[in-house]
């Protein structure tokens, strides 16, 4: 099967699954998820899916630890965990 056709079928199936499984009947939010999923570029971009993770980087630098530096700044929730453990 051609990758472009397969990508289209996967996107169509995923949209259908998400719309039928997660659409709400609350009057204020009714149809909101369907409109979001139908808008081009919100769920997928090109032949690949793009799901944004809800992780935020903390305000510390890479030298949070005394003995070594990390490759990337700590994520916000990891920094909170270390503060609780070491605090």
C-alpha atoms as a PDB file:
ATOM      1  CA  UNK A   1       0.000   0.000   0.000  1.00  0.00           C
ATOM      2  CA  UNK A   2       1.211   3.516  -0.728  1.00  0.00           C
ATOM      3  CA  UNK A   3       2.415   5.430   2.346  1.00  0.00           C
ATOM      4  CA  UNK A   4       0.333   8.499   1.476  1.00  0.00           C
ATOM      5  CA  UNK A   5      -2.854   6.425   1.227  1.00  0.00           C
ATOM      6  CA  UNK A   6      -2.007   4.562   4.420  1.00  0.00           C
ATOM      7  CA  UNK A   7      -1.337   7.844   6.252  1.00  0.00           C
ATOM      8  CA  UNK A   8      -4.687   9.225   5.073  1.00  0.00           C
ATOM      9  CA  UNK A   9      -6.524   6.094   6.255  1.00  0.00           C
ATOM     10  CA  UNK A  10      -4.774   6.175   9.641  1.00  0.00           C
ATOM     11  CA  UNK A  11      -5.640   9.854  10.093  1.00  0.00           C
ATOM     12  CA  UNK A  12      -9.249   9.266   9.108  1.00  0.00           C
ATOM     13  CA  UNK A  13      -9.557   6.294  11.469  1.00  0.00           C
ATOM     14  CA  UNK A  14      -7.907   8.175  14.316  1.00  0.00           C
ATOM     15  CA  UNK A  15     -10.206  11.180  13.871  1.00  0.00           C
ATOM     16  CA  UNK A  16     -13.244   8.903  13.852  1.00  0.00           C
ATOM     17  CA  UNK A  17     -12.041   7.082  16.983  1.00  0.00           C
ATOM     18  CA  UNK A  18     -11.370  10.309  18.862  1.00  0.00           C
ATOM     19  CA  UNK A  19     -14.646  11.935  17.818  1.00  0.00           C
ATOM     20  CA  UNK A  20     -16.783   8.954  18.813  1.00  0.00           C
ATOM     21  CA  UNK A  21     -14.884   8.180  21.999  1.00  0.00           C
ATOM     22  CA  UNK A  22     -14.239  11.609  23.462  1.00  0.00           C
ATOM     23  CA  UNK A  23     -16.981  13.931  22.223  1.00  0.00           C
ATOM     24  CA  UNK A  24     -18.953  15.355  25.125  1.00  0.00           C
ATOM     25  CA  UNK A  25     -22.674  15.919  25.442  1.00  0.00           C
ATOM     26  CA  UNK A  26     -22.264  18.944  27.715  1.00  0.00           C
ATOM     27  CA  UNK A  27     -24.182  21.768  26.017  1.00  0.00           C
ATOM     28  CA  UNK A  28     -21.361  24.319  26.186  1.00  0.00           C
ATOM     29  CA  UNK A  29     -18.698  21.947  24.815  1.00  0.00           C
ATOM     30  CA  UNK A  30     -20.900  19.978  22.416  1.00  0.00           C
ATOM     31  CA  UNK A  31     -19.235  19.645  19.020  1.00  0.00           C
ATOM     32  CA  UNK A  32     -16.042  21.392  20.146  1.00  0.00           C
ATOM     33  CA  UNK A  33     -13.848  18.307  19.812  1.00  0.00           C
ATOM     34  CA  UNK A  34     -15.277  17.519  16.379  1.00  0.00           C
ATOM     35  CA  UNK A  35     -14.563  21.046  15.174  1.00  0.00           C
ATOM     36  CA  UNK A  36     -11.032  20.833  16.564  1.00  0.00           C
ATOM     37  CA  UNK A  37     -10.337  17.460  14.911  1.00  0.00           C
ATOM     38  CA  UNK A  38     -11.801  18.592  11.564  1.00  0.00           C
ATOM     39  CA  UNK A  39      -9.614  21.703  11.368  1.00  0.00           C
ATOM     40  CA  UNK A  40      -6.610  20.917   9.129  1.00  0.00           C
ATOM     41  CA  UNK A  41      -3.317  20.882  10.993  1.00  0.00           C
ATOM     42  CA  UNK A  42      -4.736  20.522  14.521  1.00  0.00           C
ATOM     43  CA  UNK A  43      -4.376  16.764  14.832  1.00  0.00           C
ATOM     44  CA  UNK A  44      -1.858  15.811  12.172  1.00  0.00           C
ATOM     45  CA  UNK A  45       0.572  17.609   9.925  1.00  0.00           C
ATOM     46  CA  UNK A  46       1.675  15.871   6.767  1.00  0.00           C
ATOM     47  CA  UNK A  47       1.990  12.109   6.787  1.00  0.00           C
ATOM     48  CA  UNK A  48       2.869  12.021  10.477  1.00  0.00           C
ATOM     49  CA  UNK A  49       0.972  12.717  13.684  1.00  0.00           C
ATOM     50  CA  UNK A  50       1.944  15.550  15.976  1.00  0.00           C
ATOM     51  CA  UNK A  51       0.826  15.284  19.593  1.00  0.00           C
ATOM     52  CA  UNK A  52       2.011  18.028  21.883  1.00  0.00           C
ATOM     53  CA  UNK A  53       3.060  16.970  25.368  1.00  0.00           C
ATOM     54  CA  UNK A  54       1.960  19.078  28.319  1.00  0.00           C
ATOM     55  CA  UNK A  55       5.452  19.310  29.824  1.00  0.00           C
ATOM     56  CA  UNK A  56       6.911  22.699  30.727  1.00  0.00           C
ATOM     57  CA  UNK A  57      10.565  23.450  31.275  1.00  0.00           C
ATOM     58  CA  UNK A  58      11.446  24.805  34.686  1.00  0.00           C
ATOM     59  CA  UNK A  59      13.159  28.096  35.390  1.00  0.00           C
ATOM     60  CA  UNK A  60      16.433  26.505  36.529  1.00  0.00           C
ATOM     61  CA  UNK A  61      19.504  26.072  34.388  1.00  0.00           C
ATOM     62  CA  UNK A  62      21.199  22.785  33.642  1.00  0.00           C
ATOM     63  CA  UNK A  63      23.356  23.054  36.775  1.00  0.00           C
ATOM     64  CA  UNK A  64      20.593  22.324  39.290  1.00  0.00           C
ATOM     65  CA  UNK A  65      22.582  19.441  40.787  1.00  0.00           C
ATOM     66  CA  UNK A  66      25.802  20.121  42.665  1.00  0.00           C
ATOM     67  CA  UNK A  67      27.960  17.370  41.117  1.00  0.00           C
ATOM     68  CA  UNK A  68      26.976  17.442  37.432  1.00  0.00           C
ATOM     69  CA  UNK A  69      25.080  19.350  34.769  1.00  0.00           C
ATOM     70  CA  UNK A  70      22.190  17.916  32.819  1.00  0.00           C
ATOM     71  CA  UNK A  71      21.914  17.926  29.054  1.00  0.00           C
ATOM     72  CA  UNK A  72      18.613  19.830  29.152  1.00  0.00           C
ATOM     73  CA  UNK A  73      16.915  22.031  31.763  1.00  0.00           C
ATOM     74  CA  UNK A  74      14.747  20.119  34.191  1.00  0.00           C
ATOM     75  CA  UNK A  75      11.071  19.822  33.437  1.00  0.00           C
ATOM     76  CA  UNK A  76       8.815  21.732  35.800  1.00  0.00           C
ATOM     77  CA  UNK A  77       7.239  18.679  37.455  1.00  0.00           C
ATOM     78  CA  UNK A  78      10.632  16.968  37.912  1.00  0.00           C
ATOM     79  CA  UNK A  79      12.010  20.088  39.572  1.00  0.00           C
ATOM     80  CA  UNK A  80       9.039  20.087  41.989  1.00  0.00           C
ATOM     81  CA  UNK A  81       9.703  16.424  42.825  1.00  0.00           C
ATOM     82  CA  UNK A  82      13.366  17.091  43.615  1.00  0.00           C
ATOM     83  CA  UNK A  83      12.423  20.110  45.698  1.00  0.00           C
ATOM     84  CA  UNK A  84      10.027  17.958  47.747  1.00  0.00           C
ATOM     85  CA  UNK A  85      12.539  15.146  48.172  1.00  0.00           C
ATOM     86  CA  UNK A  86      15.474  17.400  49.068  1.00  0.00           C
ATOM     87  CA  UNK A  87      13.548  20.183  50.750  1.00  0.00           C
END
